[in-house]
Amino acid sequence: MAVKAHERGFQITEFQNRSGTTSYRVEGWLRGARLRENHSTLLRAQARRQELENERLGQRTVEVMRATWLTAEQLKECEWAVHQLPEPDEHRRAVQWWVDYGRVQSIANRQSNNIRLDDAVVAFRAYLEKAVDLRDATRRNLRYRVAMFVSEVGNLPLSEITPECVESWLGSRKTSAVTKDNDRRALARFFTWCTQRPQRFIVSNPCREIRVAKPEREAPEIYPMRKALRILAAARRFRKGRFLKFVVLTLFGGLRPTEALRFRDEQLVDGHFRVEGRQSKTGEARTIEADPVLLAWLKVAGEGNASDPQKAKPLWKRFKAKAKIEDWIHDGLRHTAISHYFRRCGSYGLTAEWAGNSEATIKAHYAARTTTAESAAYWSLFPDRKSRRKSRGGDAGVVQFPVSAKAVKKAGAR
């Protein structure tokens, strides 16, 4: 039976060119098409014939076998990759990215599938206990907010914590935008720790792209003179001055509440005290020249640390009732002190150094909040009347302290 032309193998035919040279033609059929190639030497023609024969029979060519050490399976994988990214540059960039980043991320992803949120939190708490660079308040804040998140979203695998998951939880919180942003910051710190060495629990921080929209910041509220006096007088009388040191450090020292609680008596030297970086909110140290009014009130308050209102909430509530302050202003005592300090010195720079703020903040929020007369009276609020009279040059204009009903009754009995 005759063999069809396209089923026959490739043949080599020798022929003479018009120029008198000899050529060798490789001729045959491949995938339904006829091929005819001329070669100058018999060796090249034979090599080409072998390549075409192997290709016709579905085998690897001599050229491929000679140029690569890859197996047939590896070549198939390479062909798949080339079809996915036909551009050579894209293929190289993809492989390089995998070598530099992808492999590490893939390992982290596989590990995170086996680590659940509860396990990560236990490890994070152990880290907090040993972290010497964190303050106690920072540790408490991180533990509280992270624990609250875990208790509400459940013990999910870390790999399932997405930005949408965190946003959904923040959206369910019935709190202010500032509180939500503080929650986000705490979670971001926790998840950042999870991405770092040696944990490598997850590849990226899901909080990285989350932003909490906050309303435009309003000017801080300050206490008018009468209310400041009521707070000061009540602090002196209530429970033998339990909260007096806390009040005077914020009202006349301009300290933040947390800074006032971290203040120690030995820090006061020759009328100056230094707020260390570990004591301040910003982490930056500053030196404060204590006003004579502050020094006088610190003597009345006596030795010892300031009492924390948050650890005695029932007493703090009774104290505010005694001072007749229904709406307590957050950081209101500090804002009052800064406003009066600026009115007295008139310098943005000096006020910023004294309060631990930026000059831009002082300009935006504390300028022109009080009058010169009010500030003069404010800085004359010594504990005793004699010092107040002396500071104001006589009785005229001396601000009278509120007198309790008990004191009035006792004076009348005399």
Protein backbone atom coordinates (compact mmCIF):
# COMPACT_ATOMS: atom_id res chain seq x y z
CA MET A 1 0.00 0.00 0.00
CA ALA A 2 1.39 3.39 -1.02
CA VAL A 3 2.46 5.82 1.77
CA LYS A 4 0.99 9.29 1.53
CA ALA A 5 3.40 12.17 1.06
CA HIS A 6 2.53 13.90 4.37
CA GLU A 7 3.07 10.63 6.23
CA ARG A 8 6.56 10.11 4.89
CA GLY A 9 9.48 11.51 6.83
CA PHE A 10 11.73 14.36 5.76
CA GLN A 11 14.14 13.62 2.94
CA ILE A 12 17.46 15.18 1.99
CA THR A 13 18.04 15.85 -1.69
CA GLU A 14 21.38 16.90 -3.17
CA PHE A 15 21.42 19.31 -6.12
CA GLN A 16 23.77 21.64 -7.97
CA ASN A 17 23.30 25.39 -7.95
CA ARG A 18 23.82 27.47 -11.07
CA SER A 19 26.93 28.88 -9.46
CA GLY A 20 28.39 25.39 -9.36
CA THR A 21 28.08 24.88 -5.58
CA THR A 22 26.29 21.95 -3.98
CA SER A 23 23.24 22.39 -1.74
CA TYR A 24 21.23 19.97 0.31
CA ARG A 25 17.47 20.33 0.45
CA VAL A 26 15.42 19.10 3.43
CA GLU A 27 11.90 18.43 2.23
CA GLY A 28 8.77 17.05 3.86
CA TRP A 29 5.40 17.74 5.48
CA LEU A 30 4.76 19.20 8.97
CA ARG A 31 1.27 19.88 10.39
CA GLY A 32 -0.30 19.74 6.93
CA ALA A 33 2.18 22.17 5.36
CA ARG A 34 5.00 21.34 3.01
CA LEU A 35 8.48 22.50 4.07
CA ARG A 36 11.49 22.94 1.80
CA GLU A 37 14.74 24.25 3.26
CA ASN A 38 18.14 24.50 1.58
CA HIS A 39 21.42 24.10 3.51
CA SER A 40 24.97 24.59 2.37
CA THR A 41 26.40 21.49 4.07
CA LEU A 42 25.18 17.95 4.49
CA LEU A 43 25.82 18.07 8.27
CA ARG A 44 23.47 21.02 8.75
CA ALA A 45 20.86 19.43 6.54
CA GLN A 46 21.00 16.20 8.56
CA ALA A 47 20.70 18.09 11.88
CA ARG A 48 17.75 20.05 10.56
CA ARG A 49 16.12 16.90 9.22
CA GLN A 50 16.43 15.30 12.68
CA GLU A 51 14.85 18.36 14.35
CA LEU A 52 11.92 18.37 11.98
CA GLU A 53 11.43 14.63 12.35
CA ASN A 54 11.35 14.90 16.12
CA GLU A 55 8.90 17.77 15.92
CA ARG A 56 6.73 15.82 13.47
CA LEU A 57 6.68 12.88 15.83
CA GLY A 58 5.82 15.09 18.84
CA GLN A 59 9.19 14.75 20.54
CA ARG A 60 11.62 17.35 21.79
CA THR A 61 13.99 18.60 19.15
CA VAL A 62 17.71 18.11 19.22
CA GLU A 63 18.10 21.86 19.71
CA VAL A 64 15.89 21.87 22.82
CA MET A 65 17.61 18.81 24.23
CA ARG A 66 20.93 20.45 23.71
CA ALA A 67 20.05 23.96 25.02
CA THR A 68 18.23 23.20 28.29
CA TRP A 69 18.44 20.89 31.28
CA LEU A 70 14.70 21.19 32.02
CA THR A 71 12.54 18.10 32.15
CA ALA A 72 9.43 17.66 30.04
CA GLU A 73 7.21 18.61 33.00
CA GLN A 74 9.25 21.72 33.69
CA LEU A 75 9.02 22.75 30.07
CA LYS A 76 5.25 22.41 30.25
CA GLU A 77 5.18 24.67 33.30
CA CYS A 78 7.34 27.22 31.46
CA GLU A 79 5.02 27.13 28.47
CA TRP A 80 2.04 27.83 30.77
CA ALA A 81 3.86 30.80 32.33
CA VAL A 82 4.78 32.21 28.93
CA HIS A 83 1.16 31.98 27.79
CA GLN A 84 0.01 33.79 30.94
CA LEU A 85 2.56 36.60 30.49
CA PRO A 86 3.57 36.67 26.84
CA GLU A 87 5.69 39.81 27.22
CA PRO A 88 9.26 38.82 28.18
CA ASP A 89 9.71 41.86 30.44
CA GLU A 90 6.53 41.09 32.38
CA HIS A 91 7.64 37.50 32.83
CA ARG A 92 11.01 38.55 34.24
CA ARG A 93 9.47 41.14 36.59
CA ALA A 94 6.94 38.62 37.86
CA VAL A 95 9.62 36.05 38.62
CA GLN A 96 11.83 38.65 40.31
CA TRP A 97 8.93 39.91 42.45
CA TRP A 98 8.23 36.36 43.58
CA VAL A 99 11.88 35.84 44.50
CA ASP A 100 12.05 39.12 46.45
CA TYR A 101 8.62 39.24 48.13
CA GLY A 102 6.14 36.63 46.96
CA ARG A 103 7.74 33.57 48.50
CA VAL A 104 7.91 35.18 51.97
CA GLN A 105 4.31 36.32 51.72
CA SER A 106 3.16 32.91 50.58
CA ILE A 107 4.84 31.26 53.57
CA ALA A 108 3.27 33.83 55.90
CA ASN A 109 -0.15 33.20 54.35
CA ARG A 110 0.15 29.48 54.90
CA GLN A 111 1.23 30.04 58.49
CA SER A 112 -1.58 32.52 59.19
CA ASN A 113 -4.14 29.90 58.17
CA ASN A 114 -3.08 27.92 61.25
CA ILE A 115 -3.00 30.90 63.67
CA ARG A 116 -6.22 32.20 65.14
CA LEU A 117 -6.92 35.57 66.68
CA ASP A 118 -6.97 34.30 70.26
CA ASP A 119 -3.51 32.76 69.91
CA ALA A 120 -2.10 35.97 68.43
CA VAL A 121 -3.59 38.05 71.26
CA VAL A 122 -2.06 35.78 73.92
CA ALA A 123 1.36 36.22 72.29
CA PHE A 124 0.79 39.97 71.98
CA ARG A 125 -0.02 40.29 75.68
CA ALA A 126 3.16 38.44 76.55
CA TYR A 127 5.07 40.92 74.38
CA LEU A 128 3.41 43.88 76.12
CA GLU A 129 4.48 42.61 79.53
CA LYS A 130 8.12 42.51 78.46
CA ALA A 131 8.19 45.69 76.33
CA VAL A 132 10.34 48.12 78.29
CA ASP A 133 9.67 50.97 75.85
CA LEU A 134 5.94 51.09 76.61
CA ARG A 135 4.30 52.95 79.46
CA ASP A 136 1.78 51.24 81.73
CA ALA A 137 -1.05 53.37 80.34
CA THR A 138 -0.09 52.37 76.80
CA ARG A 139 -0.09 48.69 77.75
CA ARG A 140 -3.52 48.99 79.36
CA ASN A 141 -4.92 50.84 76.36
CA LEU A 142 -3.67 48.25 73.86
CA ARG A 143 -4.84 45.30 75.95
CA TYR A 144 -8.30 46.77 76.45
CA ARG A 145 -9.01 47.79 72.85
CA VAL A 146 -7.59 44.63 71.25
CA ALA A 147 -9.50 42.42 73.71
CA MET A 148 -12.71 44.30 72.92
CA PHE A 149 -12.19 43.71 69.18
CA VAL A 150 -11.56 39.98 69.66
CA SER A 151 -14.55 39.52 71.95
CA GLU A 152 -16.89 41.01 69.35
CA VAL A 153 -15.57 39.59 66.05
CA GLY A 154 -14.81 36.12 67.41
CA ASN A 155 -11.82 33.80 67.22
CA LEU A 156 -11.25 34.06 63.47
CA PRO A 157 -8.11 32.90 61.65
CA LEU A 158 -5.75 35.81 61.18
CA SER A 159 -5.83 35.31 57.42
CA GLU A 160 -9.56 36.16 57.46
CA ILE A 161 -9.12 39.56 59.13
CA THR A 162 -9.58 41.97 56.23
CA PRO A 163 -9.91 45.78 56.10
CA GLU A 164 -13.64 45.29 55.53
CA CYS A 165 -13.86 43.23 58.73
CA VAL A 166 -12.20 45.96 60.79
CA GLU A 167 -14.27 48.71 59.14
CA SER A 168 -17.47 46.80 59.89
CA TRP A 169 -16.50 46.51 63.55
CA LEU A 170 -15.61 50.20 63.81
CA GLY A 171 -18.91 51.10 62.16
CA SER A 172 -20.82 49.10 64.77
CA ARG A 173 -19.23 51.03 67.63
CA LYS A 174 -21.63 53.55 69.21
CA THR A 175 -18.88 56.00 70.07
CA SER A 176 -17.44 59.25 68.81
CA ALA A 177 -15.18 59.48 65.77
CA VAL A 178 -12.22 60.24 68.04
CA THR A 179 -12.79 57.04 70.03
CA LYS A 180 -13.14 55.02 66.84
CA ASP A 181 -9.87 56.43 65.57
CA ASN A 182 -8.19 55.49 68.85
CA ASP A 183 -9.57 51.97 68.42
CA ARG A 184 -8.18 51.87 64.89
CA ARG A 185 -4.76 53.03 66.10
CA ALA A 186 -4.62 50.33 68.76
CA LEU A 187 -5.61 47.61 66.28
CA ALA A 188 -3.10 48.92 63.74
CA ARG A 189 -0.36 48.59 66.34
CA PHE A 190 -1.43 45.04 67.14
CA PHE A 191 -1.56 43.94 63.49
CA THR A 192 1.75 45.66 62.73
CA TRP A 193 3.29 43.59 65.50
CA CYS A 194 1.79 40.48 63.87
CA THR A 195 3.58 41.29 60.59
CA GLN A 196 6.97 41.85 62.17
CA ARG A 197 9.75 39.41 62.89
CA PRO A 198 9.87 36.93 64.49
CA GLN A 199 6.06 36.56 64.43
CA ARG A 200 5.26 36.83 60.71
CA PHE A 201 1.70 35.81 61.51
CA ILE A 202 0.27 37.79 58.58
CA VAL A 203 1.65 39.47 55.49
CA SER A 204 0.13 42.96 55.77
CA ASN A 205 -1.67 45.14 58.28
CA PRO A 206 -5.43 45.22 57.51
CA CYS A 207 -5.71 48.62 59.23
CA ARG A 208 -3.17 50.24 56.93
CA GLU A 209 -5.75 51.52 54.44
CA ILE A 210 -8.51 52.34 56.95
CA ARG A 211 -9.24 55.97 57.78
CA VAL A 212 -11.79 57.28 60.27
CA ALA A 213 -13.42 60.54 59.21
CA LYS A 214 -13.31 62.98 62.11
CA PRO A 215 -15.17 66.29 62.33
CA GLU A 216 -13.17 69.46 62.14
CA ARG A 217 -11.52 70.15 65.45
CA GLU A 218 -13.21 72.95 67.37
CA ALA A 219 -11.49 75.43 69.65
CA PRO A 220 -10.90 73.85 73.07
CA GLU A 221 -13.25 74.95 75.82
CA ILE A 222 -11.90 76.71 78.88
CA TYR A 223 -13.40 77.37 82.28
CA PRO A 224 -14.45 80.91 83.10
CA MET A 225 -12.91 82.38 86.23
CA ARG A 226 -15.91 81.63 88.47
CA LYS A 227 -15.99 77.93 87.57
CA ALA A 228 -12.22 77.60 87.92
CA LEU A 229 -12.53 79.07 91.41
CA ARG A 230 -15.29 76.64 92.34
CA ILE A 231 -13.19 73.68 91.17
CA LEU A 232 -10.15 74.93 93.08
CA ALA A 233 -12.10 75.61 96.28
CA ALA A 234 -13.89 72.24 96.12
CA ALA A 235 -10.61 70.40 95.52
CA ARG A 236 -9.16 72.01 98.63
CA ARG A 237 -12.08 71.00 100.84
CA PHE A 238 -13.13 67.64 99.42
CA ARG A 239 -11.76 64.64 101.33
CA LYS A 240 -8.85 66.63 102.76
CA GLY A 241 -7.65 67.65 99.31
CA ARG A 242 -7.73 64.21 97.72
CA PHE A 243 -7.80 65.64 94.17
CA LEU A 244 -6.08 68.96 94.95
CA LYS A 245 -2.67 68.07 93.51
CA PHE A 246 -4.26 66.75 90.32
CA VAL A 247 -6.28 69.96 89.92
CA VAL A 248 -3.45 72.45 90.59
CA LEU A 249 -0.94 70.65 88.33
CA THR A 250 -3.38 70.86 85.42
CA LEU A 251 -4.86 74.28 86.30
CA PHE A 252 -1.61 76.16 87.01
CA GLY A 253 1.04 73.86 85.51
CA GLY A 254 -0.76 73.23 82.22
CA LEU A 255 -0.04 69.50 82.47
CA ARG A 256 -2.14 66.93 80.71
CA PRO A 257 -4.07 64.65 83.08
CA THR A 258 -1.74 61.71 82.43
CA GLU A 259 1.31 63.96 82.91
CA ALA A 260 -0.10 65.20 86.23
CA LEU A 261 -0.54 61.64 87.45
CA ARG A 262 3.08 60.84 86.53
CA PHE A 263 4.47 63.89 88.32
CA ARG A 264 6.74 63.17 91.29
CA ASP A 265 7.70 65.63 94.03
CA GLU A 266 11.43 65.06 93.53
CA GLN A 267 11.13 66.47 90.00
CA LEU A 268 10.56 69.97 91.42
CA VAL A 269 13.96 71.61 91.91
CA ASP A 270 14.49 75.36 92.45
CA GLY A 271 11.09 76.24 91.07
CA HIS A 272 11.50 74.14 87.90
CA PHE A 273 10.46 70.65 87.01
CA ARG A 274 11.15 68.56 83.96
CA VAL A 275 8.48 66.48 82.27
CA GLU A 276 10.39 63.51 80.91
CA GLY A 277 9.64 61.94 77.55
CA ARG A 278 8.20 58.82 79.18
CA GLN A 279 5.79 61.05 81.13
CA SER A 280 4.52 63.17 78.26
CA LYS A 281 1.93 62.36 75.62
CA THR A 282 4.21 63.36 72.76
CA GLY A 283 7.22 61.44 74.07
CA GLU A 284 9.27 64.66 74.13
CA ALA A 285 10.69 66.09 77.34
CA ARG A 286 10.18 69.72 78.37
CA THR A 287 11.18 71.89 81.34
CA ILE A 288 8.51 73.97 83.07
CA GLU A 289 9.14 77.00 85.25
CA ALA A 290 6.61 76.65 88.03
CA ASP A 291 4.61 79.81 88.67
CA PRO A 292 4.59 81.05 92.31
CA VAL A 293 0.86 80.27 92.40
CA LEU A 294 1.56 76.65 91.48
CA LEU A 295 4.35 76.37 94.06
CA ALA A 296 2.09 77.76 96.77
CA TRP A 297 -0.71 75.33 95.97
CA LEU A 298 1.68 72.37 95.82
CA LYS A 299 2.70 73.17 99.41
CA VAL A 300 -0.94 73.08 100.44
CA ALA A 301 -1.50 69.80 98.55
CA GLY A 302 1.38 68.20 100.44
CA GLU A 303 3.66 65.37 99.42
CA GLY A 304 2.63 62.34 97.47
CA ASN A 305 1.36 61.51 94.03
CA ALA A 306 -1.75 62.99 92.47
CA SER A 307 -4.87 60.87 92.92
CA ASP A 308 -6.26 59.38 89.70
CA PRO A 309 -9.95 60.30 89.18
CA GLN A 310 -10.45 57.27 86.93
CA LYS A 311 -9.58 54.94 89.80
CA ALA A 312 -12.07 56.58 92.15
CA LYS A 313 -15.02 57.38 89.89
CA PRO A 314 -17.69 57.55 92.64
CA LEU A 315 -15.57 60.03 94.62
CA TRP A 316 -14.76 62.02 91.49
CA LYS A 317 -18.46 62.26 90.71
CA ARG A 318 -19.15 63.59 94.22
CA PHE A 319 -16.28 66.05 93.87
CA LYS A 320 -17.74 67.47 90.63
CA ALA A 321 -21.11 67.79 92.30
CA LYS A 322 -19.49 69.69 95.18
CA ALA A 323 -17.82 72.02 92.67
CA LYS A 324 -21.21 72.44 90.92
CA ILE A 325 -19.73 71.39 87.57
CA GLU A 326 -22.31 69.41 85.62
CA ASP A 327 -20.43 69.19 82.30
CA TRP A 328 -16.80 68.42 82.97
CA ILE A 329 -14.60 69.64 80.10
CA HIS A 330 -12.02 67.11 78.98
CA ASP A 331 -8.60 68.74 79.48
CA GLY A 332 -10.50 71.91 80.39
CA LEU A 333 -8.16 72.80 83.25
CA ARG A 334 -5.12 72.51 80.99
CA HIS A 335 -6.79 74.54 78.23
CA THR A 336 -7.60 77.24 80.78
CA ALA A 337 -4.00 77.34 82.00
CA ILE A 338 -2.55 77.62 78.47
CA SER A 339 -4.97 80.42 77.52
CA HIS A 340 -4.04 82.49 80.58
CA TYR A 341 -0.33 81.76 80.17
CA PHE A 342 -0.36 83.03 76.59
CA ARG A 343 -2.30 86.16 77.57
CA ARG A 344 0.32 86.93 80.22
CA CYS A 345 3.50 86.31 78.15
CA GLY A 346 2.15 87.05 74.64
CA SER A 347 4.63 84.66 73.02
CA TYR A 348 3.58 81.73 70.85
CA GLY A 349 7.00 80.12 71.20
CA LEU A 350 7.22 80.38 74.99
CA THR A 351 3.68 79.11 75.41
CA ALA A 352 4.32 76.19 73.07
CA GLU A 353 7.45 75.19 75.02
CA TRP A 354 5.63 75.54 78.34
CA ALA A 355 2.61 73.48 77.28
CA GLY A 356 4.33 70.92 75.07
CA ASN A 357 2.43 71.95 71.91
CA SER A 358 3.39 73.42 68.57
CA GLU A 359 3.27 77.15 67.88
CA ALA A 360 0.64 76.49 65.20
CA THR A 361 -1.63 74.89 67.80
CA ILE A 362 -1.23 77.82 70.16
CA LYS A 363 -2.07 80.29 67.37
CA ALA A 364 -5.07 78.30 66.24
CA HIS A 365 -6.69 77.54 69.59
CA TYR A 366 -5.37 79.55 72.53
CA ALA A 367 -4.83 83.13 71.40
CA ALA A 368 -7.32 85.82 72.47
CA ARG A 369 -9.31 83.50 74.74
CA THR A 370 -9.05 85.66 77.86
CA THR A 371 -8.59 89.33 78.78
CA THR A 372 -5.57 90.89 80.42
CA ALA A 373 -7.56 91.59 83.61
CA GLU A 374 -8.82 88.01 83.82
CA SER A 375 -5.33 86.59 83.40
CA ALA A 376 -3.93 88.98 86.01
CA ALA A 377 -6.58 87.76 88.45
CA TYR A 378 -5.98 84.15 87.45
CA TRP A 379 -2.29 84.22 88.31
CA SER A 380 -3.05 85.85 91.68
CA LEU A 381 -5.14 82.96 92.99
CA PHE A 382 -2.85 82.10 95.89
CA PRO A 383 -4.16 79.81 98.62
CA ASP A 384 -4.07 82.55 101.28
CA ARG A 385 -5.67 85.96 101.10
CA LYS A 386 -2.52 87.80 102.16
CA SER A 387 -0.58 86.50 99.14
CA ARG A 388 -3.48 87.32 96.84
CA ARG A 389 -3.69 90.88 98.15
CA LYS A 390 0.06 91.33 97.81
CA SER A 391 0.09 90.06 94.23
CA ARG A 392 -2.65 92.51 93.22
CA GLY A 393 -1.34 95.50 95.17
CA GLY A 394 -4.18 95.75 97.66
CA ASP A 395 -7.73 94.58 98.27
CA ALA A 396 -9.18 96.15 95.14
CA GLY A 397 -9.94 93.58 92.50
CA VAL A 398 -8.94 90.56 94.57
CA VAL A 399 -11.05 87.61 93.46
CA GLN A 400 -12.96 86.20 96.38
CA PHE A 401 -12.93 82.45 96.91
CA PRO A 402 -16.29 80.73 97.26
CA VAL A 403 -17.08 80.12 100.89
CA SER A 404 -18.83 76.94 101.97
CA ALA A 405 -22.13 77.12 103.86
CA LYS A 406 -20.44 75.39 106.79
CA ALA A 407 -17.83 78.13 107.01
CA VAL A 408 -20.48 80.87 106.89
CA LYS A 409 -22.44 79.21 109.68
CA LYS A 410 -19.31 78.83 111.75
CA ALA A 411 -18.37 82.50 111.26
CA GLY A 412 -21.89 83.60 112.26
CA ALA A 413 -21.70 81.58 115.46
CA ARG A 414 -18.66 83.53 116.48
